[in-house]
Amino acid sequence: MRAADLQRAVWRWHFVAGVLVLPFLLWLAVTGALYLYKPEIERLVYADWIHVTPAARLPVETLATRVGAAVGGQVTQVEKPADPAAD
């Protein structure tokens, strides 16, 4: 086998190996980019889940009644925060 034939055979195997490995490398690049930009993508996709408008606050009596009905008991104590801004 001549040197040129050997070089051609090595080049052919190198080309075939590259063609076989290329889809795997592209898959790694795409999924890696998705993983890298996950927070930005989630902010766009789930914008309506991340930022919601708060509902009206229920009175404490209503909350206590609903909690008591849900757990099958009676609410005996409700503790409010000392700082009104901590609501």
N, C-alpha and C. Protein backbone atom coordinates (compact mmCIF):
# COMPACT_ATOMS: atom_id res chain seq x y z
N MET A 1 0.85 -1.17 0.00
CA MET A 1 0.00 0.00 0.00
C MET A 1 0.90 1.23 0.00
N ARG A 2 0.58 2.13 -0.89
CA ARG A 2 1.37 3.35 -1.00
C ARG A 2 0.96 4.34 0.09
N ALA A 3 1.77 5.34 0.28
CA ALA A 3 1.49 6.36 1.29
C ALA A 3 0.23 7.14 0.93
N ALA A 4 0.02 7.40 -0.35
CA ALA A 4 -1.17 8.14 -0.78
C ALA A 4 -2.43 7.33 -0.52
N ASP A 5 -2.36 6.01 -0.76
CA ASP A 5 -3.52 5.15 -0.48
C ASP A 5 -3.82 5.11 1.01
N LEU A 6 -2.77 5.04 1.81
CA LEU A 6 -2.95 5.03 3.27
C LEU A 6 -3.57 6.34 3.74
N GLN A 7 -3.08 7.45 3.19
CA GLN A 7 -3.62 8.75 3.57
C GLN A 7 -5.10 8.85 3.17
N ARG A 8 -5.45 8.36 1.99
CA ARG A 8 -6.83 8.39 1.53
C ARG A 8 -7.72 7.53 2.42
N ALA A 9 -7.23 6.35 2.83
CA ALA A 9 -8.01 5.47 3.70
C ALA A 9 -8.21 6.10 5.08
N VAL A 10 -7.15 6.68 5.60
CA VAL A 10 -7.27 7.35 6.91
C VAL A 10 -8.23 8.53 6.81
N TRP A 11 -8.12 9.29 5.73
CA TRP A 11 -9.01 10.43 5.56
C TRP A 11 -10.47 9.98 5.45
N ARG A 12 -10.70 8.88 4.72
CA ARG A 12 -12.06 8.37 4.56
C ARG A 12 -12.63 7.95 5.92
N TRP A 13 -11.85 7.23 6.73
CA TRP A 13 -12.32 6.81 8.06
C TRP A 13 -12.54 8.03 8.97
N HIS A 14 -11.67 9.01 8.82
CA HIS A 14 -11.83 10.23 9.60
C HIS A 14 -13.13 10.94 9.22
N PHE A 15 -13.44 10.98 7.92
CA PHE A 15 -14.67 11.61 7.46
C PHE A 15 -15.90 10.86 7.95
N VAL A 16 -15.88 9.53 7.84
CA VAL A 16 -17.01 8.72 8.29
C VAL A 16 -17.22 8.88 9.79
N ALA A 17 -16.13 8.87 10.55
CA ALA A 17 -16.25 9.06 12.00
C ALA A 17 -16.83 10.43 12.32
N GLY A 18 -16.41 11.45 11.59
CA GLY A 18 -16.96 12.79 11.80
C GLY A 18 -18.44 12.88 11.49
N VAL A 19 -18.85 12.23 10.42
CA VAL A 19 -20.28 12.23 10.05
C VAL A 19 -21.10 11.50 11.09
N LEU A 20 -20.55 10.43 11.67
CA LEU A 20 -21.29 9.68 12.68
C LEU A 20 -21.35 10.42 14.02
N VAL A 21 -20.32 11.18 14.33
CA VAL A 21 -20.25 11.87 15.63
C VAL A 21 -20.96 13.23 15.58
N LEU A 22 -21.08 13.81 14.40
CA LEU A 22 -21.66 15.15 14.27
C LEU A 22 -23.06 15.28 14.86
N PRO A 23 -24.01 14.36 14.61
CA PRO A 23 -25.33 14.52 15.24
C PRO A 23 -25.28 14.52 16.77
N PHE A 24 -24.43 13.69 17.33
CA PHE A 24 -24.29 13.65 18.78
C PHE A 24 -23.75 14.98 19.31
N LEU A 25 -22.74 15.53 18.64
CA LEU A 25 -22.19 16.81 19.08
C LEU A 25 -23.20 17.95 18.92
N LEU A 26 -23.97 17.92 17.84
CA LEU A 26 -25.01 18.94 17.68
C LEU A 26 -26.08 18.82 18.76
N TRP A 27 -26.46 17.59 19.10
CA TRP A 27 -27.44 17.37 20.17
C TRP A 27 -26.90 17.91 21.49
N LEU A 28 -25.63 17.65 21.78
CA LEU A 28 -25.03 18.17 23.01
C LEU A 28 -25.00 19.69 23.01
N ALA A 29 -24.70 20.30 21.87
CA ALA A 29 -24.65 21.75 21.79
C ALA A 29 -26.02 22.37 22.00
N VAL A 30 -27.04 21.81 21.37
CA VAL A 30 -28.40 22.37 21.49
C VAL A 30 -28.93 22.20 22.91
N THR A 31 -28.81 21.00 23.47
CA THR A 31 -29.32 20.80 24.83
C THR A 31 -28.50 21.57 25.85
N GLY A 32 -27.22 21.72 25.62
CA GLY A 32 -26.40 22.53 26.52
C GLY A 32 -26.81 23.99 26.49
N ALA A 33 -27.11 24.50 25.30
CA ALA A 33 -27.57 25.89 25.19
C ALA A 33 -28.92 26.07 25.87
N LEU A 34 -29.80 25.09 25.71
CA LEU A 34 -31.10 25.17 26.40
C LEU A 34 -30.91 25.17 27.91
N TYR A 35 -30.00 24.34 28.38
CA TYR A 35 -29.74 24.28 29.82
C TYR A 35 -29.10 25.57 30.31
N LEU A 36 -28.22 26.15 29.49
CA LEU A 36 -27.55 27.38 29.87
C LEU A 36 -28.54 28.54 29.97
N TYR A 37 -29.46 28.62 29.02
CA TYR A 37 -30.42 29.72 28.99
C TYR A 37 -31.77 29.34 29.58
N LYS A 38 -31.80 28.34 30.45
CA LYS A 38 -33.05 27.87 31.05
C LYS A 38 -33.80 28.97 31.80
N PRO A 39 -33.14 29.78 32.64
CA PRO A 39 -33.90 30.83 33.34
C PRO A 39 -34.56 31.82 32.39
N GLU A 40 -33.85 32.21 31.33
CA GLU A 40 -34.43 33.15 30.37
C GLU A 40 -35.60 32.52 29.62
N ILE A 41 -35.44 31.25 29.24
CA ILE A 41 -36.51 30.56 28.52
C ILE A 41 -37.73 30.39 29.42
N GLU A 42 -37.51 30.01 30.68
CA GLU A 42 -38.63 29.83 31.60
C GLU A 42 -39.35 31.15 31.85
N ARG A 43 -38.59 32.24 31.91
CA ARG A 43 -39.22 33.54 32.12
C ARG A 43 -40.15 33.90 30.96
N LEU A 44 -39.78 33.50 29.75
CA LEU A 44 -40.64 33.77 28.60
C LEU A 44 -41.82 32.81 28.54
N VAL A 45 -41.57 31.54 28.77
CA VAL A 45 -42.61 30.53 28.61
C VAL A 45 -43.63 30.60 29.74
N TYR A 46 -43.16 30.77 30.97
CA TYR A 46 -44.05 30.73 32.14
C TYR A 46 -44.28 32.11 32.74
N ALA A 47 -44.29 33.14 31.92
CA ALA A 47 -44.45 34.50 32.43
C ALA A 47 -45.76 34.68 33.18
N ASP A 48 -46.82 34.06 32.69
CA ASP A 48 -48.12 34.22 33.36
C ASP A 48 -48.19 33.43 34.66
N TRP A 49 -47.31 32.45 34.85
CA TRP A 49 -47.29 31.69 36.11
C TRP A 49 -46.38 32.34 37.14
N ILE A 50 -45.36 33.03 36.68
CA ILE A 50 -44.39 33.63 37.60
C ILE A 50 -44.94 34.92 38.20
N HIS A 51 -45.57 35.75 37.37
CA HIS A 51 -46.10 37.03 37.83
C HIS A 51 -47.63 36.95 37.83
N VAL A 52 -48.19 36.84 38.99
CA VAL A 52 -49.65 36.79 39.11
C VAL A 52 -50.13 38.00 39.90
N THR A 53 -51.34 38.40 39.64
CA THR A 53 -51.92 39.49 40.42
C THR A 53 -52.52 38.90 41.69
N PRO A 54 -52.21 39.47 42.82
CA PRO A 54 -52.72 38.91 44.07
C PRO A 54 -54.23 39.09 44.17
N ALA A 55 -54.86 38.12 44.78
CA ALA A 55 -56.30 38.17 44.99
C ALA A 55 -56.60 39.00 46.23
N ALA A 56 -57.85 39.33 46.41
CA ALA A 56 -58.26 40.08 47.59
C ALA A 56 -58.05 39.22 48.84
N ARG A 57 -57.68 39.88 49.92
CA ARG A 57 -57.44 39.15 51.17
C ARG A 57 -58.77 38.82 51.84
N LEU A 58 -58.85 37.59 52.32
CA LEU A 58 -60.05 37.16 53.03
C LEU A 58 -59.95 37.55 54.50
N PRO A 59 -61.07 37.78 55.14
CA PRO A 59 -61.04 38.06 56.57
C PRO A 59 -60.52 36.83 57.34
N VAL A 60 -59.94 37.08 58.50
CA VAL A 60 -59.37 36.01 59.31
C VAL A 60 -60.45 35.01 59.71
N GLU A 61 -61.64 35.48 59.98
CA GLU A 61 -62.72 34.57 60.38
C GLU A 61 -63.05 33.57 59.26
N THR A 62 -63.08 34.06 58.03
CA THR A 62 -63.35 33.18 56.89
C THR A 62 -62.24 32.15 56.73
N LEU A 63 -60.99 32.61 56.85
CA LEU A 63 -59.85 31.68 56.74
C LEU A 63 -59.90 30.62 57.83
N ALA A 64 -60.18 31.04 59.06
CA ALA A 64 -60.23 30.08 60.17
C ALA A 64 -61.35 29.06 59.95
N THR A 65 -62.49 29.51 59.47
CA THR A 65 -63.60 28.58 59.20
C THR A 65 -63.22 27.58 58.12
N ARG A 66 -62.60 28.04 57.06
CA ARG A 66 -62.22 27.14 55.95
C ARG A 66 -61.12 26.17 56.37
N VAL A 67 -60.16 26.63 57.13
CA VAL A 67 -59.10 25.73 57.61
C VAL A 67 -59.69 24.69 58.54
N GLY A 68 -60.56 25.10 59.43
CA GLY A 68 -61.21 24.15 60.33
C GLY A 68 -62.01 23.11 59.58
N ALA A 69 -62.71 23.52 58.54
CA ALA A 69 -63.49 22.58 57.74
C ALA A 69 -62.58 21.64 56.95
N ALA A 70 -61.45 22.12 56.50
CA ALA A 70 -60.55 21.30 55.69
C ALA A 70 -59.86 20.22 56.52
N VAL A 71 -59.50 20.54 57.75
CA VAL A 71 -58.78 19.56 58.58
C VAL A 71 -59.71 18.82 59.52
N GLY A 72 -60.96 19.20 59.55
CA GLY A 72 -61.90 18.51 60.42
C GLY A 72 -61.74 18.87 61.88
N GLY A 73 -61.40 20.08 62.15
CA GLY A 73 -61.22 20.50 63.54
C GLY A 73 -61.70 21.93 63.72
N GLN A 74 -61.16 22.55 64.74
CA GLN A 74 -61.53 23.93 65.03
C GLN A 74 -60.26 24.72 65.27
N VAL A 75 -60.18 25.89 64.67
CA VAL A 75 -59.03 26.76 64.87
C VAL A 75 -59.19 27.43 66.22
N THR A 76 -58.17 27.29 67.06
CA THR A 76 -58.24 27.85 68.40
C THR A 76 -57.38 29.09 68.56
N GLN A 77 -56.42 29.28 67.64
CA GLN A 77 -55.52 30.41 67.80
C GLN A 77 -55.05 30.88 66.43
N VAL A 78 -55.00 32.19 66.25
CA VAL A 78 -54.47 32.80 65.04
C VAL A 78 -53.43 33.81 65.49
N GLU A 79 -52.25 33.73 64.90
CA GLU A 79 -51.17 34.63 65.28
C GLU A 79 -50.86 35.54 64.11
N LYS A 80 -50.96 36.83 64.35
CA LYS A 80 -50.66 37.82 63.31
C LYS A 80 -49.23 38.32 63.51
N PRO A 81 -48.57 38.74 62.44
CA PRO A 81 -47.22 39.28 62.59
C PRO A 81 -47.24 40.59 63.38
N ALA A 82 -46.18 40.83 64.12
CA ALA A 82 -46.08 42.05 64.91
C ALA A 82 -45.93 43.27 64.02
N ASP A 83 -45.23 43.11 62.90
CA ASP A 83 -45.01 44.20 61.96
C ASP A 83 -46.08 44.14 60.87
N PRO A 84 -46.93 45.15 60.74
CA PRO A 84 -47.98 45.11 59.72
C PRO A 84 -47.41 45.05 58.30
N ALA A 85 -46.20 45.55 58.10
CA ALA A 85 -45.59 45.52 56.77
C ALA A 85 -45.11 44.12 56.41
N ALA A 86 -45.02 43.21 57.38
CA ALA A 86 -44.54 41.85 57.13
C ALA A 86 -45.63 40.96 56.55
N ASP A 87 -46.84 41.49 56.41
CA ASP A 87 -47.94 40.71 55.81
C ASP A 87 -47.45 40.26 54.50
